[in-house]
N, C-alpha and C. Protein backbone atom coordinates (compact mmCIF):
# COMPACT_ATOMS: atom_id res chain seq x y z
N MET A 1 3.88 -32.31 7.67
CA MET A 1 5.07 -31.71 6.99
C MET A 1 5.94 -30.96 7.96
N LYS A 2 7.23 -31.22 7.79
CA LYS A 2 8.14 -30.55 8.60
C LYS A 2 8.23 -28.97 8.33
N LYS A 3 8.46 -28.35 9.28
CA LYS A 3 8.68 -26.82 9.03
C LYS A 3 10.03 -26.67 8.25
N ILE A 4 9.89 -25.56 7.30
CA ILE A 4 11.02 -25.29 6.59
C ILE A 4 11.71 -24.14 7.41
N ILE A 5 13.08 -24.37 7.63
CA ILE A 5 13.85 -23.30 8.42
C ILE A 5 14.92 -22.76 7.51
N VAL A 6 14.80 -21.47 7.41
CA VAL A 6 15.86 -20.75 6.65
C VAL A 6 16.92 -20.07 7.48
N PHE A 7 18.09 -20.28 7.12
CA PHE A 7 19.19 -19.62 7.91
C PHE A 7 19.79 -18.63 7.00
N LEU A 8 20.08 -17.43 7.43
CA LEU A 8 20.77 -16.32 6.73
C LEU A 8 21.76 -15.75 7.64
N LEU A 9 22.96 -15.64 7.26
CA LEU A 9 24.10 -15.03 7.97
C LEU A 9 24.31 -13.68 7.25
N ILE A 10 24.37 -12.53 7.98
CA ILE A 10 24.70 -11.31 7.45
C ILE A 10 25.88 -10.75 8.18
N VAL A 11 26.83 -10.26 7.59
CA VAL A 11 28.03 -9.79 8.24
C VAL A 11 27.87 -8.31 8.46
N PHE A 12 27.99 -7.94 9.84
CA PHE A 12 27.89 -6.58 10.26
C PHE A 12 29.23 -5.89 10.00
N SER A 13 29.23 -4.67 10.08
CA SER A 13 30.38 -3.87 9.74
C SER A 13 31.54 -4.34 10.73
N TYR A 14 31.17 -4.73 11.98
CA TYR A 14 32.13 -5.01 13.03
C TYR A 14 32.29 -6.54 13.14
N SER A 15 31.99 -7.25 11.95
CA SER A 15 32.28 -8.56 11.96
C SER A 15 31.49 -9.64 12.76
N ALA A 16 30.34 -9.14 13.37
CA ALA A 16 29.60 -10.15 14.11
C ALA A 16 28.50 -10.56 13.10
N ASN A 17 28.14 -11.90 13.40
CA ASN A 17 27.22 -12.48 12.52
C ASN A 17 25.77 -12.42 13.18
N MET A 18 24.80 -12.45 12.38
CA MET A 18 23.34 -12.46 12.87
C MET A 18 22.80 -13.73 12.19
N GLN A 19 22.16 -14.60 12.99
CA GLN A 19 21.49 -15.80 12.53
C GLN A 19 20.03 -15.55 12.59
N ILE A 20 19.30 -15.87 11.53
CA ILE A 20 17.85 -15.81 11.51
C ILE A 20 17.26 -17.08 11.08
N LEU A 21 16.25 -17.55 11.90
CA LEU A 21 15.54 -18.82 11.62
C LEU A 21 14.09 -18.34 11.29
N ALA A 22 13.45 -18.94 10.27
CA ALA A 22 12.06 -18.66 9.94
C ALA A 22 11.57 -19.79 9.10
N LYS A 23 10.18 -19.63 8.98
CA LYS A 23 9.56 -20.65 8.06
C LYS A 23 9.51 -20.17 6.54
N HIS A 24 9.61 -19.02 6.31
CA HIS A 24 9.54 -18.44 5.01
C HIS A 24 10.54 -17.29 4.72
N PHE A 25 11.11 -17.21 3.53
CA PHE A 25 12.12 -16.25 3.20
C PHE A 25 11.93 -15.77 1.78
N THR A 26 11.96 -14.45 1.72
CA THR A 26 11.99 -13.82 0.26
C THR A 26 13.16 -12.67 0.31
N TYR A 27 13.67 -12.52 -0.90
CA TYR A 27 14.66 -11.48 -1.01
C TYR A 27 14.47 -10.60 -2.16
N ASP A 28 14.46 -9.36 -2.01
CA ASP A 28 14.22 -8.35 -3.04
C ASP A 28 15.63 -7.73 -3.30
N LYS A 29 16.31 -8.16 -4.39
CA LYS A 29 17.63 -7.62 -4.66
C LYS A 29 17.68 -6.17 -4.97
N GLN A 30 16.72 -5.72 -5.64
CA GLN A 30 16.75 -4.20 -6.02
C GLN A 30 16.55 -3.33 -4.78
N LYS A 31 15.90 -3.80 -3.90
CA LYS A 31 15.57 -3.07 -2.70
C LYS A 31 16.41 -3.41 -1.51
N ASN A 32 17.26 -4.44 -1.73
CA ASN A 32 18.19 -4.84 -0.70
C ASN A 32 17.43 -5.07 0.54
N VAL A 33 16.39 -5.89 0.52
CA VAL A 33 15.56 -6.25 1.69
C VAL A 33 15.27 -7.72 1.65
N ALA A 34 15.47 -8.35 2.88
CA ALA A 34 15.24 -9.86 3.03
C ALA A 34 13.99 -9.79 3.91
N ILE A 35 12.95 -10.60 3.62
CA ILE A 35 11.77 -10.73 4.36
C ILE A 35 11.58 -12.14 5.01
N PHE A 36 11.42 -12.31 6.22
CA PHE A 36 11.20 -13.56 6.94
C PHE A 36 9.94 -13.51 7.59
N LYS A 37 9.16 -14.71 7.53
CA LYS A 37 8.01 -14.80 8.07
C LYS A 37 7.78 -16.19 8.73
N GLY A 38 6.95 -16.14 9.89
CA GLY A 38 6.70 -17.33 10.59
C GLY A 38 7.76 -17.74 11.59
N ASP A 39 7.46 -17.59 12.89
CA ASP A 39 8.25 -17.98 13.91
C ASP A 39 9.70 -17.51 13.80
N VAL A 40 9.78 -16.15 13.54
CA VAL A 40 11.12 -15.72 13.34
C VAL A 40 11.94 -15.57 14.50
N ASN A 41 13.22 -16.01 14.44
CA ASN A 41 14.15 -15.90 15.58
C ASN A 41 15.47 -15.43 15.21
N VAL A 42 15.76 -14.19 15.71
CA VAL A 42 16.99 -13.63 15.24
C VAL A 42 17.99 -13.61 16.46
N THR A 43 19.27 -13.96 16.12
CA THR A 43 20.27 -13.98 17.23
C THR A 43 21.43 -13.39 16.75
N LYS A 44 22.05 -12.48 17.52
CA LYS A 44 23.37 -11.78 17.18
C LYS A 44 24.05 -11.52 18.49
N GLU A 45 25.15 -12.18 18.70
CA GLU A 45 25.94 -12.17 20.01
C GLU A 45 24.85 -12.39 21.09
N SER A 46 24.73 -11.61 22.02
CA SER A 46 23.79 -11.84 23.25
C SER A 46 22.36 -11.29 22.95
N ASP A 47 22.16 -10.51 21.79
CA ASP A 47 20.83 -9.98 21.42
C ASP A 47 19.89 -11.18 20.93
N ASN A 48 18.59 -11.15 21.13
CA ASN A 48 17.73 -12.07 20.45
C ASN A 48 16.31 -11.51 20.37
N ILE A 49 15.78 -11.60 19.14
CA ILE A 49 14.41 -11.09 18.80
C ILE A 49 13.69 -12.12 18.19
N LEU A 50 12.44 -12.26 18.70
CA LEU A 50 11.42 -13.18 18.14
C LEU A 50 10.18 -12.34 17.60
N SER A 51 9.69 -12.73 16.51
CA SER A 51 8.61 -11.98 15.88
C SER A 51 7.96 -12.71 14.84
N ASN A 52 6.73 -12.44 14.43
CA ASN A 52 5.98 -13.01 13.22
C ASN A 52 6.66 -12.71 11.92
N ILE A 53 7.13 -11.43 11.79
CA ILE A 53 7.65 -10.95 10.47
C ILE A 53 8.91 -10.15 10.74
N LEU A 54 9.90 -10.36 9.96
CA LEU A 54 11.10 -9.54 10.05
C LEU A 54 11.58 -9.00 8.65
N PHE A 55 11.95 -7.69 8.56
CA PHE A 55 12.48 -7.15 7.39
C PHE A 55 13.91 -6.77 7.81
N VAL A 56 14.98 -7.15 6.93
CA VAL A 56 16.23 -6.88 7.03
C VAL A 56 16.78 -6.08 5.87
N TYR A 57 17.18 -4.74 6.13
CA TYR A 57 17.59 -3.87 5.03
C TYR A 57 19.13 -3.71 4.97
N THR A 58 19.58 -4.02 3.93
CA THR A 58 21.15 -3.94 3.79
C THR A 58 21.54 -2.85 2.67
N ASN A 59 22.72 -2.42 2.67
CA ASN A 59 23.15 -1.59 1.57
C ASN A 59 23.78 -2.64 0.45
N LYS A 60 24.18 -2.05 -0.62
CA LYS A 60 24.84 -2.85 -1.68
C LYS A 60 25.96 -3.75 -1.29
N LYS A 61 26.72 -3.15 -0.25
CA LYS A 61 27.85 -3.96 0.22
C LYS A 61 27.41 -5.04 1.30
N ASN A 62 26.25 -5.18 1.46
CA ASN A 62 25.51 -6.25 2.31
C ASN A 62 25.78 -5.83 3.98
N LYS A 63 25.98 -4.46 4.22
CA LYS A 63 26.11 -3.96 5.45
C LYS A 63 24.57 -3.59 6.04
N LEU A 64 24.38 -4.26 7.28
CA LEU A 64 23.13 -3.91 7.81
C LEU A 64 22.69 -2.39 7.81
N GLN A 65 21.54 -2.04 7.44
CA GLN A 65 21.05 -0.60 7.48
C GLN A 65 19.91 -0.61 8.61
N LYS A 66 18.94 -1.40 8.50
CA LYS A 66 17.84 -1.42 9.40
C LYS A 66 17.21 -2.85 9.61
N LEU A 67 16.67 -3.04 10.74
CA LEU A 67 16.04 -4.26 10.91
C LEU A 67 14.56 -3.92 11.43
N ILE A 68 13.47 -4.41 11.02
CA ILE A 68 12.23 -4.25 11.52
C ILE A 68 11.58 -5.51 11.85
N ALA A 69 11.09 -5.65 13.05
CA ALA A 69 10.41 -6.88 13.63
C ALA A 69 8.95 -6.47 13.93
N ILE A 70 8.05 -7.21 13.30
CA ILE A 70 6.55 -6.90 13.58
C ILE A 70 5.74 -8.07 14.05
N GLY A 71 4.90 -7.89 14.98
CA GLY A 71 3.84 -8.91 15.38
C GLY A 71 4.47 -9.75 16.47
N ASN A 72 3.83 -9.71 17.64
CA ASN A 72 4.10 -10.48 18.74
C ASN A 72 5.73 -10.40 19.08
N VAL A 73 6.24 -9.29 19.05
CA VAL A 73 7.80 -9.24 19.22
C VAL A 73 8.19 -9.33 20.64
N LYS A 74 9.08 -10.34 20.94
CA LYS A 74 9.76 -10.45 22.21
C LYS A 74 11.17 -10.32 22.01
N PHE A 75 11.90 -9.74 22.89
CA PHE A 75 13.39 -9.38 22.66
C PHE A 75 14.19 -9.44 23.94
N ARG A 76 15.45 -9.53 23.77
CA ARG A 76 16.50 -9.32 24.75
C ARG A 76 17.67 -8.61 24.03
N VAL A 77 17.83 -7.36 24.17
CA VAL A 77 18.86 -6.67 23.57
C VAL A 77 19.86 -5.96 24.63
N THR A 78 21.04 -5.54 24.16
CA THR A 78 22.03 -4.92 25.00
C THR A 78 22.45 -3.51 24.45
N ASP A 79 22.67 -2.60 25.27
CA ASP A 79 23.25 -1.34 24.86
C ASP A 79 24.65 -1.24 25.59
N LYS A 80 25.21 -0.15 25.64
CA LYS A 80 26.50 0.02 26.25
C LYS A 80 26.75 -0.53 27.62
N ASN A 81 25.80 -0.35 28.43
CA ASN A 81 26.05 -0.86 29.95
C ASN A 81 24.82 -1.72 30.42
N SER A 82 23.66 -1.95 29.49
CA SER A 82 22.52 -2.59 30.01
C SER A 82 21.98 -3.62 29.17
N THR A 83 21.19 -4.51 29.76
CA THR A 83 20.48 -5.46 28.91
C THR A 83 19.01 -5.32 29.15
N TYR A 84 18.16 -5.29 28.09
CA TYR A 84 16.73 -5.06 28.17
C TYR A 84 16.02 -6.13 27.64
N LYS A 85 14.92 -6.56 28.32
CA LYS A 85 14.11 -7.71 27.66
C LYS A 85 12.59 -7.17 27.80
N GLY A 86 11.81 -7.76 27.02
CA GLY A 86 10.37 -7.31 26.80
C GLY A 86 9.65 -7.70 25.70
N GLN A 87 8.56 -6.93 25.45
CA GLN A 87 7.76 -7.22 24.30
C GLN A 87 7.10 -5.85 23.75
N THR A 88 6.81 -6.01 22.51
CA THR A 88 6.20 -4.78 21.91
C THR A 88 5.47 -5.28 20.53
N ASP A 89 4.68 -4.43 19.96
CA ASP A 89 4.07 -4.78 18.63
C ASP A 89 5.12 -4.74 17.43
N LYS A 90 6.02 -3.70 17.63
CA LYS A 90 7.08 -3.36 16.40
C LYS A 90 8.29 -2.91 17.14
N LEU A 91 9.39 -3.54 16.52
CA LEU A 91 10.72 -3.15 17.04
C LEU A 91 11.51 -2.80 15.70
N THR A 92 12.11 -1.55 15.80
CA THR A 92 12.97 -1.12 14.60
C THR A 92 14.36 -0.82 15.17
N TYR A 93 15.40 -1.32 14.49
CA TYR A 93 16.73 -1.07 14.84
C TYR A 93 17.48 -0.37 13.74
N ASN A 94 17.89 0.83 14.01
CA ASN A 94 18.61 1.59 12.90
C ASN A 94 20.08 1.40 13.29
N ALA A 95 20.73 0.58 12.41
CA ALA A 95 22.13 0.14 12.58
C ALA A 95 23.21 1.28 12.53
N ASN A 96 22.92 2.24 11.53
CA ASN A 96 23.79 3.21 11.41
C ASN A 96 23.86 4.15 12.68
N LYS A 97 22.72 4.38 13.21
CA LYS A 97 22.68 5.32 14.44
C LYS A 97 22.62 4.47 15.77
N GLU A 98 22.57 3.09 15.71
CA GLU A 98 22.51 2.26 16.79
C GLU A 98 21.33 2.63 17.77
N ILE A 99 20.26 2.68 17.14
CA ILE A 99 19.07 3.07 17.89
C ILE A 99 17.93 1.99 17.78
N TYR A 100 17.45 1.62 18.95
CA TYR A 100 16.23 0.78 18.97
C TYR A 100 14.96 1.60 19.28
N LYS A 101 13.84 1.33 18.48
CA LYS A 101 12.63 2.02 18.64
C LYS A 101 11.63 0.81 18.90
N PHE A 102 10.85 0.94 19.94
CA PHE A 102 9.87 -0.07 20.33
C PHE A 102 8.54 0.67 20.15
N GLU A 103 7.56 0.16 19.45
CA GLU A 103 6.25 0.84 19.16
C GLU A 103 5.16 -0.04 19.41
N GLY A 104 4.13 0.54 20.08
CA GLY A 104 2.86 -0.27 20.33
C GLY A 104 2.96 -1.27 21.52
N HIS A 105 2.31 -0.78 22.59
CA HIS A 105 2.14 -1.52 23.71
C HIS A 105 3.61 -2.12 24.32
N ALA A 106 4.65 -1.25 24.22
CA ALA A 106 5.98 -1.73 24.67
C ALA A 106 6.00 -1.92 26.08
N HIS A 107 6.67 -2.86 26.56
CA HIS A 107 7.05 -3.09 27.92
C HIS A 107 8.54 -3.59 27.93
N ILE A 108 9.24 -2.84 28.62
CA ILE A 108 10.67 -3.23 28.69
C ILE A 108 11.15 -3.25 30.20
N ILE A 109 11.96 -4.22 30.39
CA ILE A 109 12.49 -4.46 31.76
C ILE A 109 13.98 -4.38 31.64
N LYS A 110 14.56 -3.47 32.37
CA LYS A 110 16.01 -3.33 32.43
C LYS A 110 16.58 -4.52 33.48
N VAL A 111 17.22 -5.44 32.90
CA VAL A 111 17.67 -6.75 33.58
C VAL A 111 18.50 -6.36 34.72
N GLN A 112 19.44 -5.51 34.75
CA GLN A 112 20.47 -5.17 35.81
C GLN A 112 19.66 -4.79 37.11
N ASP A 113 18.65 -4.07 37.09
CA ASP A 113 17.95 -3.53 38.32
C ASP A 113 16.37 -3.76 38.33
N ASN A 114 15.95 -4.57 37.34
CA ASN A 114 14.59 -5.02 37.34
C ASN A 114 13.57 -3.71 37.30
N GLN A 115 14.14 -2.59 36.59
CA GLN A 115 13.19 -1.43 36.53
C GLN A 115 12.35 -1.78 35.17
N GLU A 116 11.11 -1.20 35.11
CA GLU A 116 10.20 -1.55 34.14
C GLU A 116 9.71 -0.33 33.47
N ILE A 117 9.57 -0.31 32.14
CA ILE A 117 8.98 0.91 31.52
C ILE A 117 7.87 0.36 30.59
N PHE A 118 6.70 1.14 30.55
CA PHE A 118 5.55 0.75 29.72
C PHE A 118 5.31 2.07 28.91
N GLY A 119 5.17 1.91 27.63
CA GLY A 119 4.83 3.11 26.78
C GLY A 119 4.48 2.67 25.32
N ASN A 120 3.98 3.54 24.60
CA ASN A 120 3.54 3.34 23.25
C ASN A 120 4.70 3.48 22.32
N LYS A 121 5.72 4.30 22.71
CA LYS A 121 6.92 4.44 22.05
C LYS A 121 8.21 4.65 22.82
N ILE A 122 9.10 3.76 22.79
CA ILE A 122 10.25 3.81 23.55
C ILE A 122 11.45 3.84 22.65
N ILE A 123 12.30 4.66 22.76
CA ILE A 123 13.64 4.81 21.89
C ILE A 123 14.83 4.63 22.93
N ILE A 124 15.75 3.65 22.53
CA ILE A 124 16.99 3.51 23.38
C ILE A 124 18.02 3.66 22.28
N ASN A 125 19.02 4.51 22.85
CA ASN A 125 20.24 4.76 21.99
C ASN A 125 21.26 3.74 22.54
N LYS A 126 21.69 2.79 21.62
CA LYS A 126 22.58 1.87 22.16
C LYS A 126 23.92 2.38 22.44
N LYS A 127 24.41 3.45 21.79
CA LYS A 127 25.75 3.95 22.23
C LYS A 127 25.79 4.63 23.39
N THR A 128 24.80 5.34 23.75
CA THR A 128 24.75 6.18 24.96
C THR A 128 24.09 5.72 26.09
N GLY A 129 23.15 4.82 25.76
CA GLY A 129 22.21 4.20 26.83
C GLY A 129 21.04 5.14 27.17
N ASN A 130 20.89 6.30 26.53
CA ASN A 130 19.73 7.29 26.70
C ASN A 130 18.49 6.84 26.19
N ALA A 131 17.46 7.10 26.82
CA ALA A 131 16.07 6.65 26.46
C ALA A 131 15.12 7.72 26.40
N ILE A 132 14.12 7.69 25.54
CA ILE A 132 13.00 8.50 25.31
C ILE A 132 11.71 7.71 25.35
N VAL A 133 10.72 8.01 26.12
CA VAL A 133 9.36 7.33 26.13
C VAL A 133 8.27 8.30 25.89
N ASP A 134 7.34 7.79 25.12
CA ASP A 134 6.12 8.55 24.74
C ASP A 134 4.95 7.72 24.82
N SER A 135 3.79 8.48 25.13
CA SER A 135 2.54 7.73 25.01
C SER A 135 1.99 8.12 23.75
N ASP A 136 0.97 7.40 23.30
CA ASP A 136 0.28 7.64 22.05
C ASP A 136 -0.58 8.89 22.29
N LYS A 137 -0.55 9.98 21.28
CA LYS A 137 -1.46 11.06 21.44
C LYS A 137 -2.83 10.71 21.51
N ASN A 138 -3.31 9.68 21.06
CA ASN A 138 -4.69 9.23 20.99
C ASN A 138 -4.96 8.32 22.16
N ASP A 139 -4.02 7.92 22.84
CA ASP A 139 -4.14 6.89 23.94
C ASP A 139 -4.11 7.75 25.21
N THR A 140 -5.25 7.29 26.08
CA THR A 140 -5.37 8.00 27.43
C THR A 140 -4.52 7.32 28.45
N ALA A 141 -3.87 6.23 28.17
CA ALA A 141 -2.99 5.54 29.08
C ALA A 141 -1.67 6.38 29.20
N PRO A 142 -1.33 6.55 30.42
CA PRO A 142 0.05 7.39 30.67
C PRO A 142 1.22 6.36 30.45
N ILE A 143 2.32 7.00 30.36
CA ILE A 143 3.66 6.28 30.44
C ILE A 143 3.72 5.73 31.80
N LYS A 144 4.17 4.60 31.99
CA LYS A 144 4.33 3.85 33.44
C LYS A 144 5.77 3.45 33.64
N PHE A 145 6.47 3.89 34.78
CA PHE A 145 7.70 3.46 35.19
C PHE A 145 7.58 2.60 36.50
N ILE A 146 8.17 1.58 36.62
CA ILE A 146 8.39 0.97 37.91
C ILE A 146 9.96 0.90 38.24
N LEU A 147 10.27 1.79 39.30
CA LEU A 147 11.68 1.97 39.62
C LEU A 147 11.81 1.23 40.95
N LYS A 148 13.02 0.61 41.06
CA LYS A 148 13.38 0.05 42.30
C LYS A 148 14.28 1.14 42.98
N VAL A 149 13.85 1.60 44.07
CA VAL A 149 14.71 2.63 44.79
C VAL A 149 15.01 2.23 46.23
N LYS A 150 16.08 2.69 46.73
CA LYS A 150 16.52 2.44 48.07
C LYS A 150 16.32 3.77 48.94
N GLU A 151 15.92 3.49 50.21
CA GLU A 151 15.78 4.72 51.02
C GLU A 151 16.69 4.74 52.10
């Protein structure tokens, strides 16, 4: 049986469209949440997120509030000056604050200079480009950075 592909276009406040492909789609109108499952592929401008499950939260005017990708998450996202690619267990994007949060075995590569970050929780502010990295309190593995430096 052929895979069922669901397309959903959501208009962002700045008029960019987001395209979502998945095998299954459900929508809860009262909670303003769309749920996509199975080989989820999200594309918006140059950003791309792949995951097993995706939750898209909007307000009553259909403006994106939050996006949560869970399970085998792979991504390529941009901020003010940089492009990041990598993988994590969970990716949350807060559209109002323009903040990405990567949780669980996060590995991010900054494309421009090939610098790498490993951590259990990585937060990137899309407006400023600032980042915060934490390890899990119960995890003995430290945060790891691989920086390309010139001497």
